[in-house]
N, C-alpha and C. Protein backbone atom coordinates (compact mmCIF):
# COMPACT_ATOMS: atom_id res chain seq x y z
N UNK A 1 2.86 36.55 -0.07
CA UNK A 1 2.64 35.29 0.62
C UNK A 1 3.76 35.14 1.64
N UNK A 2 3.43 34.81 2.85
CA UNK A 2 4.45 34.66 3.88
C UNK A 2 5.24 33.38 3.65
N UNK A 3 6.44 33.33 4.25
CA UNK A 3 7.28 32.13 4.15
C UNK A 3 6.53 30.92 4.66
N UNK A 4 5.84 31.08 5.80
CA UNK A 4 5.14 29.96 6.41
C UNK A 4 4.08 29.41 5.46
N UNK A 5 3.26 30.30 4.89
CA UNK A 5 2.23 29.83 3.96
C UNK A 5 2.85 29.23 2.71
N UNK A 6 3.94 29.83 2.22
CA UNK A 6 4.59 29.30 1.02
C UNK A 6 5.17 27.92 1.29
N UNK A 7 5.79 27.77 2.45
CA UNK A 7 6.40 26.46 2.74
C UNK A 7 5.33 25.41 2.96
N UNK A 8 4.22 25.78 3.59
CA UNK A 8 3.16 24.81 3.80
C UNK A 8 2.48 24.44 2.50
N UNK A 9 2.37 25.40 1.60
CA UNK A 9 1.71 25.14 0.32
C UNK A 9 2.53 24.17 -0.53
N UNK A 10 3.85 24.22 -0.42
CA UNK A 10 4.68 23.38 -1.26
C UNK A 10 5.24 22.16 -0.56
N UNK A 11 4.74 21.84 0.60
CA UNK A 11 5.30 20.76 1.40
C UNK A 11 4.34 19.61 1.53
N UNK A 12 4.88 18.42 1.39
CA UNK A 12 4.12 17.22 1.69
C UNK A 12 4.94 16.42 2.67
N UNK A 13 4.29 15.91 3.69
CA UNK A 13 4.99 15.05 4.63
C UNK A 13 5.03 13.64 4.06
N UNK A 14 6.06 12.93 4.43
CA UNK A 14 6.29 11.60 3.89
C UNK A 14 5.73 10.54 4.84
N UNK A 15 5.01 9.62 4.33
CA UNK A 15 4.54 8.47 5.08
C UNK A 15 4.54 7.31 4.11
N UNK A 16 5.07 6.22 4.50
CA UNK A 16 5.10 5.01 3.69
C UNK A 16 5.88 5.24 2.39
N UNK A 17 5.26 5.09 1.23
CA UNK A 17 5.99 5.14 -0.02
C UNK A 17 5.69 6.41 -0.83
N UNK A 18 5.35 7.49 -0.17
CA UNK A 18 5.08 8.75 -0.88
C UNK A 18 6.37 9.33 -1.43
N UNK A 19 6.23 10.30 -2.29
CA UNK A 19 7.38 10.99 -2.87
C UNK A 19 7.78 12.13 -1.96
N UNK A 20 9.07 12.39 -1.83
CA UNK A 20 9.57 13.44 -0.93
C UNK A 20 9.00 14.80 -1.33
N UNK A 21 8.53 15.54 -0.34
CA UNK A 21 8.02 16.89 -0.55
C UNK A 21 9.15 17.89 -0.57
N UNK A 22 8.87 19.06 -1.12
CA UNK A 22 9.88 20.11 -1.14
C UNK A 22 9.20 21.46 -1.24
N UNK A 23 9.97 22.47 -1.12
CA UNK A 23 9.45 23.82 -1.15
C UNK A 23 9.40 24.33 -2.59
N UNK A 24 8.80 23.58 -3.47
CA UNK A 24 8.83 23.92 -4.89
C UNK A 24 8.26 25.30 -5.17
N UNK A 25 7.12 25.61 -4.65
CA UNK A 25 6.53 26.91 -4.90
C UNK A 25 7.07 27.99 -4.01
N UNK A 26 7.83 27.64 -3.00
CA UNK A 26 8.29 28.62 -2.02
C UNK A 26 9.53 29.36 -2.48
N UNK A 27 10.21 28.86 -3.51
CA UNK A 27 11.46 29.49 -3.91
C UNK A 27 11.25 30.96 -4.26
N UNK A 28 10.23 31.24 -5.05
CA UNK A 28 10.01 32.64 -5.41
C UNK A 28 9.50 33.44 -4.23
N UNK A 29 8.68 32.83 -3.39
CA UNK A 29 8.19 33.53 -2.21
C UNK A 29 9.32 33.79 -1.23
N UNK A 30 10.21 32.82 -1.06
CA UNK A 30 11.36 32.99 -0.17
C UNK A 30 12.27 34.07 -0.74
N UNK A 31 12.43 34.08 -2.05
CA UNK A 31 13.26 35.10 -2.68
C UNK A 31 12.67 36.47 -2.49
N UNK A 32 11.36 36.58 -2.62
CA UNK A 32 10.71 37.86 -2.41
C UNK A 32 10.90 38.32 -0.98
N UNK A 33 10.71 37.42 -0.02
CA UNK A 33 10.88 37.79 1.38
C UNK A 33 12.32 38.16 1.67
N UNK A 34 13.26 37.40 1.11
CA UNK A 34 14.67 37.66 1.39
C UNK A 34 15.13 38.97 0.77
N UNK A 35 14.56 39.34 -0.37
CA UNK A 35 14.99 40.56 -1.03
C UNK A 35 14.26 41.78 -0.52
N UNK A 36 13.21 41.57 0.30
CA UNK A 36 12.46 42.69 0.83
C UNK A 36 11.43 43.21 -0.17
N UNK A 37 11.29 42.56 -1.31
CA UNK A 37 10.34 43.00 -2.31
C UNK A 37 8.99 42.40 -2.00
N UNK A 38 7.98 42.89 -2.63
CA UNK A 38 6.66 42.32 -2.44
C UNK A 38 5.66 43.41 -2.16
N UNK A 39 4.57 43.04 -1.56
CA UNK A 39 3.48 43.95 -1.29
C UNK A 39 3.90 44.99 -0.26
N UNK A 40 3.88 46.27 -0.63
CA UNK A 40 4.29 47.33 0.28
C UNK A 40 3.32 47.46 1.44
N UNK A 41 2.10 46.96 1.29
CA UNK A 41 1.10 47.06 2.34
C UNK A 41 1.23 45.93 3.36
N UNK A 42 2.09 44.96 3.10
CA UNK A 42 2.23 43.81 4.00
C UNK A 42 2.78 44.25 5.35
N UNK A 43 2.19 43.72 6.42
CA UNK A 43 2.67 44.04 7.75
C UNK A 43 3.71 43.04 8.22
N UNK A 44 3.96 41.99 7.42
CA UNK A 44 4.93 40.98 7.81
C UNK A 44 6.33 41.42 7.41
N UNK A 45 7.27 41.41 8.36
CA UNK A 45 8.65 41.78 8.01
C UNK A 45 9.29 40.69 7.16
N UNK A 46 10.25 41.09 6.34
CA UNK A 46 10.97 40.11 5.53
C UNK A 46 11.77 39.22 6.46
N UNK A 47 11.70 37.91 6.23
CA UNK A 47 12.41 36.96 7.08
C UNK A 47 13.76 36.63 6.47
N UNK A 48 14.76 36.55 7.30
CA UNK A 48 16.08 36.15 6.85
C UNK A 48 16.09 34.63 6.68
N UNK A 49 17.06 34.11 5.92
CA UNK A 49 17.15 32.65 5.79
C UNK A 49 17.28 31.96 7.15
N UNK A 50 18.03 32.54 8.08
CA UNK A 50 18.17 31.93 9.40
C UNK A 50 16.81 31.83 10.08
N UNK A 51 16.02 32.91 10.02
CA UNK A 51 14.68 32.89 10.62
C UNK A 51 13.77 31.88 9.94
N UNK A 52 13.86 31.79 8.62
CA UNK A 52 13.04 30.85 7.88
C UNK A 52 13.40 29.42 8.26
N UNK A 53 14.69 29.15 8.38
CA UNK A 53 15.15 27.81 8.78
C UNK A 53 14.67 27.50 10.19
N UNK A 54 14.83 28.44 11.11
CA UNK A 54 14.40 28.21 12.49
C UNK A 54 12.90 27.97 12.57
N UNK A 55 12.13 28.69 11.80
CA UNK A 55 10.68 28.48 11.79
C UNK A 55 10.33 27.10 11.25
N UNK A 56 10.99 26.69 10.18
CA UNK A 56 10.74 25.36 9.61
C UNK A 56 11.08 24.28 10.62
N UNK A 57 12.20 24.44 11.31
CA UNK A 57 12.62 23.46 12.32
C UNK A 57 11.63 23.40 13.47
N UNK A 58 11.14 24.56 13.90
CA UNK A 58 10.21 24.56 15.04
C UNK A 58 8.83 24.04 14.66
N UNK A 59 8.47 24.08 13.38
CA UNK A 59 7.15 23.64 12.93
C UNK A 59 7.10 22.15 12.55
N UNK A 60 8.25 21.48 12.53
CA UNK A 60 8.31 20.09 12.08
C UNK A 60 9.18 19.27 13.01
N UNK A 61 8.77 18.03 13.28
CA UNK A 61 9.56 17.16 14.16
C UNK A 61 10.87 16.74 13.51
N UNK A 62 10.85 16.46 12.22
CA UNK A 62 12.06 16.05 11.50
C UNK A 62 12.19 16.91 10.25
N UNK A 63 13.35 17.55 10.10
CA UNK A 63 13.62 18.36 8.91
C UNK A 63 14.96 17.94 8.33
N UNK A 64 14.96 17.70 7.04
CA UNK A 64 16.18 17.32 6.32
C UNK A 64 16.45 18.39 5.27
N UNK A 65 17.56 19.12 5.42
CA UNK A 65 18.01 20.06 4.40
C UNK A 65 18.89 19.25 3.48
N UNK A 66 18.53 19.20 2.21
CA UNK A 66 19.04 18.21 1.28
C UNK A 66 19.32 18.85 -0.08
N UNK A 67 19.93 18.06 -0.94
CA UNK A 67 20.04 18.38 -2.36
C UNK A 67 19.61 17.12 -3.12
N UNK A 68 18.92 17.31 -4.21
CA UNK A 68 18.34 16.18 -4.94
C UNK A 68 19.39 15.23 -5.50
N UNK A 69 20.59 15.71 -5.79
CA UNK A 69 21.63 14.87 -6.39
C UNK A 69 22.54 14.22 -5.35
N UNK A 70 22.29 14.42 -4.08
CA UNK A 70 23.18 13.95 -3.01
C UNK A 70 22.80 12.55 -2.54
N UNK A 71 23.71 11.60 -2.71
CA UNK A 71 23.43 10.22 -2.30
C UNK A 71 23.34 10.09 -0.78
N UNK A 72 24.07 10.89 -0.03
CA UNK A 72 23.97 10.86 1.43
C UNK A 72 22.60 11.36 1.89
N UNK A 73 22.08 12.35 1.18
CA UNK A 73 20.74 12.85 1.49
C UNK A 73 19.70 11.77 1.24
N UNK A 74 19.85 11.05 0.13
CA UNK A 74 18.94 9.96 -0.19
C UNK A 74 19.00 8.89 0.90
N UNK A 75 20.19 8.59 1.39
CA UNK A 75 20.34 7.59 2.45
C UNK A 75 19.63 8.05 3.72
N UNK A 76 19.80 9.32 4.07
CA UNK A 76 19.17 9.85 5.29
C UNK A 76 17.64 9.80 5.17
N UNK A 77 17.13 10.22 4.03
CA UNK A 77 15.68 10.18 3.82
C UNK A 77 15.16 8.75 3.90
N UNK A 78 15.93 7.82 3.38
CA UNK A 78 15.53 6.41 3.40
C UNK A 78 15.42 5.88 4.82
N UNK A 79 16.29 6.32 5.71
CA UNK A 79 16.23 5.87 7.10
C UNK A 79 14.89 6.25 7.71
N UNK A 80 14.48 7.49 7.53
CA UNK A 80 13.19 7.93 8.09
C UNK A 80 12.03 7.26 7.37
N UNK A 81 12.16 7.09 6.08
CA UNK A 81 11.13 6.39 5.30
C UNK A 81 10.93 4.98 5.83
N UNK A 82 12.04 4.27 6.04
CA UNK A 82 11.97 2.89 6.52
C UNK A 82 11.38 2.79 7.92
N UNK A 83 11.54 3.84 8.73
CA UNK A 83 10.96 3.86 10.08
C UNK A 83 9.50 4.34 10.05
N UNK A 84 9.01 4.69 8.84
CA UNK A 84 7.65 5.19 8.67
C UNK A 84 7.42 6.47 9.48
N UNK A 85 8.40 7.37 9.42
CA UNK A 85 8.36 8.64 10.15
C UNK A 85 8.12 9.77 9.16
N UNK A 86 7.20 10.67 9.50
CA UNK A 86 6.98 11.86 8.69
C UNK A 86 8.19 12.77 8.81
N UNK A 87 8.58 13.39 7.71
CA UNK A 87 9.68 14.33 7.75
C UNK A 87 9.47 15.41 6.69
N UNK A 88 10.10 16.53 6.91
CA UNK A 88 10.04 17.66 5.99
C UNK A 88 11.37 17.74 5.27
N UNK A 89 11.34 17.82 3.96
CA UNK A 89 12.55 17.93 3.17
C UNK A 89 12.61 19.32 2.55
N UNK A 90 13.75 19.96 2.67
CA UNK A 90 13.99 21.23 1.99
C UNK A 90 15.14 20.98 1.02
N UNK A 91 14.80 20.91 -0.27
CA UNK A 91 15.79 20.65 -1.31
C UNK A 91 16.45 21.97 -1.69
N UNK A 92 17.65 22.20 -1.20
CA UNK A 92 18.32 23.48 -1.39
C UNK A 92 18.61 23.78 -2.85
N UNK A 93 18.86 22.75 -3.65
CA UNK A 93 19.14 22.98 -5.07
C UNK A 93 17.90 23.32 -5.88
N UNK A 94 16.73 23.26 -5.27
CA UNK A 94 15.49 23.63 -5.94
C UNK A 94 15.05 25.05 -5.56
N UNK A 95 15.74 25.67 -4.62
CA UNK A 95 15.40 27.02 -4.18
C UNK A 95 16.27 28.04 -4.91
N UNK A 96 15.67 29.15 -5.30
CA UNK A 96 16.43 30.23 -5.95
C UNK A 96 17.53 30.74 -5.03
N UNK A 97 17.28 30.73 -3.73
CA UNK A 97 18.23 31.26 -2.76
C UNK A 97 18.82 30.13 -1.91
N UNK A 98 19.01 28.96 -2.50
CA UNK A 98 19.53 27.81 -1.79
C UNK A 98 20.91 28.02 -1.19
N UNK A 99 21.78 28.75 -1.89
CA UNK A 99 23.12 28.99 -1.35
C UNK A 99 23.06 29.87 -0.11
N UNK A 100 22.10 30.82 -0.07
CA UNK A 100 21.94 31.64 1.13
C UNK A 100 21.43 30.79 2.29
N UNK A 101 20.57 29.84 1.99
CA UNK A 101 20.09 28.93 3.03
C UNK A 101 21.25 28.05 3.52
N UNK A 102 22.11 27.63 2.61
CA UNK A 102 23.24 26.81 3.00
C UNK A 102 24.22 27.62 3.87
N UNK A 103 24.40 28.89 3.55
CA UNK A 103 25.22 29.77 4.39
C UNK A 103 24.60 29.91 5.78
N UNK A 104 23.29 30.05 5.83
CA UNK A 104 22.59 30.17 7.12
C UNK A 104 22.72 28.88 7.93
N UNK A 105 22.64 27.73 7.25
CA UNK A 105 22.83 26.46 7.95
C UNK A 105 24.24 26.36 8.51
N UNK A 106 25.22 26.91 7.80
CA UNK A 106 26.59 26.94 8.32
C UNK A 106 26.65 27.73 9.63
N UNK A 107 25.97 28.88 9.66
CA UNK A 107 25.94 29.69 10.88
C UNK A 107 25.26 28.94 12.03
N UNK A 108 24.24 28.17 11.71
CA UNK A 108 23.50 27.45 12.75
C UNK A 108 24.17 26.16 13.22
N UNK A 109 24.88 25.48 12.30
CA UNK A 109 25.37 24.14 12.62
C UNK A 109 26.88 23.98 12.53
N UNK A 110 27.55 24.94 11.93
CA UNK A 110 29.00 24.83 11.78
C UNK A 110 29.45 24.05 10.57
N UNK A 111 28.52 23.67 9.70
CA UNK A 111 28.88 22.94 8.49
C UNK A 111 27.98 23.31 7.32
N UNK A 112 28.53 23.21 6.11
CA UNK A 112 27.77 23.52 4.89
C UNK A 112 27.31 22.26 4.17
N UNK A 113 27.87 21.12 4.52
CA UNK A 113 27.53 19.90 3.79
C UNK A 113 26.08 19.50 4.04
N UNK A 114 25.54 18.77 3.10
CA UNK A 114 24.19 18.22 3.25
C UNK A 114 24.31 16.71 3.28
N UNK A 115 23.39 16.06 3.93
CA UNK A 115 22.21 16.62 4.59
C UNK A 115 22.55 17.24 5.94
N UNK A 116 21.73 18.20 6.32
CA UNK A 116 21.73 18.82 7.66
C UNK A 116 20.39 18.39 8.25
N UNK A 117 20.41 17.58 9.31
CA UNK A 117 19.19 16.96 9.82
C UNK A 117 18.89 17.44 11.22
N UNK A 118 17.64 17.83 11.42
CA UNK A 118 17.15 18.31 12.71
C UNK A 118 16.02 17.41 13.17
N UNK A 119 16.07 17.00 14.43
CA UNK A 119 15.00 16.20 15.03
C UNK A 119 14.61 16.88 16.34
N UNK A 120 13.33 17.11 16.50
CA UNK A 120 12.80 17.72 17.71
C UNK A 120 13.47 19.07 18.00
N UNK A 121 13.76 19.82 16.93
CA UNK A 121 14.35 21.14 17.07
C UNK A 121 15.85 21.17 17.24
N UNK A 122 16.48 20.01 17.34
CA UNK A 122 17.93 19.95 17.56
C UNK A 122 18.64 19.38 16.34
N UNK A 123 19.80 19.94 16.04
CA UNK A 123 20.62 19.43 14.95
C UNK A 123 21.26 18.13 15.39
N UNK A 124 21.04 17.06 14.62
CA UNK A 124 21.63 15.76 14.98
C UNK A 124 22.81 15.39 14.10
N UNK A 125 23.04 16.12 13.03
CA UNK A 125 24.19 15.85 12.16
C UNK A 125 23.78 15.56 10.74
N UNK A 126 24.64 14.79 10.08
CA UNK A 126 24.41 14.42 8.70
C UNK A 126 23.93 12.99 8.58
N UNK A 127 24.17 12.41 7.41
CA UNK A 127 23.69 11.05 7.14
C UNK A 127 24.38 10.01 8.02
N UNK A 128 25.69 10.12 8.20
CA UNK A 128 26.42 9.14 9.02
C UNK A 128 25.97 9.21 10.48
N UNK A 129 25.78 10.43 10.98
CA UNK A 129 25.32 10.60 12.36
C UNK A 129 23.93 10.02 12.55
N UNK A 130 23.07 10.26 11.58
CA UNK A 130 21.70 9.75 11.64
C UNK A 130 21.70 8.22 11.58
N UNK A 131 22.52 7.68 10.70
CA UNK A 131 22.63 6.22 10.59
C UNK A 131 23.12 5.61 11.91
N UNK A 132 24.13 6.24 12.51
CA UNK A 132 24.67 5.75 13.78
C UNK A 132 23.61 5.79 14.87
N UNK A 133 22.87 6.91 14.98
CA UNK A 133 21.81 7.02 15.99
C UNK A 133 20.74 5.94 15.77
N UNK A 134 20.42 5.69 14.52
CA UNK A 134 19.42 4.66 14.20
C UNK A 134 19.91 3.28 14.62
N UNK A 135 21.16 2.96 14.28
CA UNK A 135 21.72 1.64 14.63
C UNK A 135 21.82 1.47 16.15
N UNK A 136 22.05 2.56 16.88
CA UNK A 136 22.14 2.51 18.35
C UNK A 136 20.76 2.51 19.01
N UNK A 137 19.71 2.64 18.21
CA UNK A 137 18.36 2.65 18.76
C UNK A 137 17.97 3.97 19.42
N UNK A 138 18.67 5.04 19.08
CA UNK A 138 18.42 6.34 19.71
C UNK A 138 17.62 7.30 18.84
N UNK A 139 17.51 7.02 17.55
CA UNK A 139 16.84 7.95 16.64
C UNK A 139 15.32 7.96 16.83
N UNK A 140 14.71 6.81 16.83
CA UNK A 140 13.25 6.74 16.97
C UNK A 140 12.77 7.36 18.29
N UNK A 141 13.44 7.12 19.43
CA UNK A 141 13.01 7.79 20.66
C UNK A 141 13.06 9.33 20.56
N UNK A 142 14.05 9.87 19.84
CA UNK A 142 14.11 11.32 19.65
C UNK A 142 12.88 11.82 18.88
N UNK A 143 12.51 11.08 17.85
CA UNK A 143 11.35 11.44 17.04
C UNK A 143 10.08 11.34 17.89
N UNK A 144 9.96 10.26 18.66
CA UNK A 144 8.77 10.08 19.50
C UNK A 144 8.63 11.19 20.53
N UNK A 145 9.75 11.68 21.07
CA UNK A 145 9.70 12.78 22.04
C UNK A 145 9.01 13.99 21.42
N UNK A 146 9.31 14.26 20.17
CA UNK A 146 8.71 15.41 19.49
C UNK A 146 7.22 15.21 19.31
N UNK A 147 6.81 14.02 18.88
CA UNK A 147 5.39 13.77 18.67
C UNK A 147 4.63 13.81 19.99
N UNK A 148 5.24 13.31 21.06
CA UNK A 148 4.60 13.38 22.38
C UNK A 148 4.46 14.84 22.84
N UNK A 149 5.51 15.61 22.65
CA UNK A 149 5.48 17.03 23.02
C UNK A 149 4.38 17.76 22.24
N UNK A 150 4.29 17.49 20.95
CA UNK A 150 3.27 18.15 20.12
C UNK A 150 1.86 17.72 20.49
N UNK A 151 1.67 16.45 20.83
CA UNK A 151 0.32 15.99 21.20
C UNK A 151 -0.09 16.60 22.54
N UNK A 152 0.84 16.75 23.47
CA UNK A 152 0.52 17.40 24.75
C UNK A 152 0.18 18.87 24.55
N UNK A 153 0.91 19.52 23.63
CA UNK A 153 0.65 20.92 23.34
C UNK A 153 -0.75 21.10 22.77
N UNK A 154 -1.19 20.17 21.91
CA UNK A 154 -2.52 20.24 21.32
C UNK A 154 -3.60 20.01 22.36
N UNK A 155 -3.33 19.12 23.34
CA UNK A 155 -4.30 18.86 24.42
C UNK A 155 -4.54 20.11 25.26
N UNK A 156 -3.52 20.92 25.43
CA UNK A 156 -3.62 22.12 26.27
C UNK A 156 -4.36 23.26 25.57
N UNK A 157 -4.52 23.17 24.29
CA UNK A 157 -5.15 24.27 23.55
C UNK A 157 -6.65 24.21 23.61
């Protein structure tokens, strides 16, 4: 199973009062892809954690790399929940290879702490940065830019 299919199978987007989605079933699939094991007949190359993260970011307007026990992560998710914005959550402590993903996030963002939040493909920071952007009225416009871009892309297809 490819990373993309595994992540889509285990992901639910959040709207209103739903429960946060996660890559619950993808941990073993991500581990298989990362270790290079799996079906020898597969034509799909094994994806590195960096590639998997980049694909997740490019496929979703808002992505929160989180840990279930992190109060800052909960605060960040609550901000998007309160704005009624769909977001993708990747709970690193639920993945077999979560520490490798955290190392990859360090390479991409310069920090290992969670949450690591991406909006419209760009890293915006952690919980404090997200809270500040929200209070300044800059967060929702960033999210809307992504949805506008995606709707225009669908019109062209």
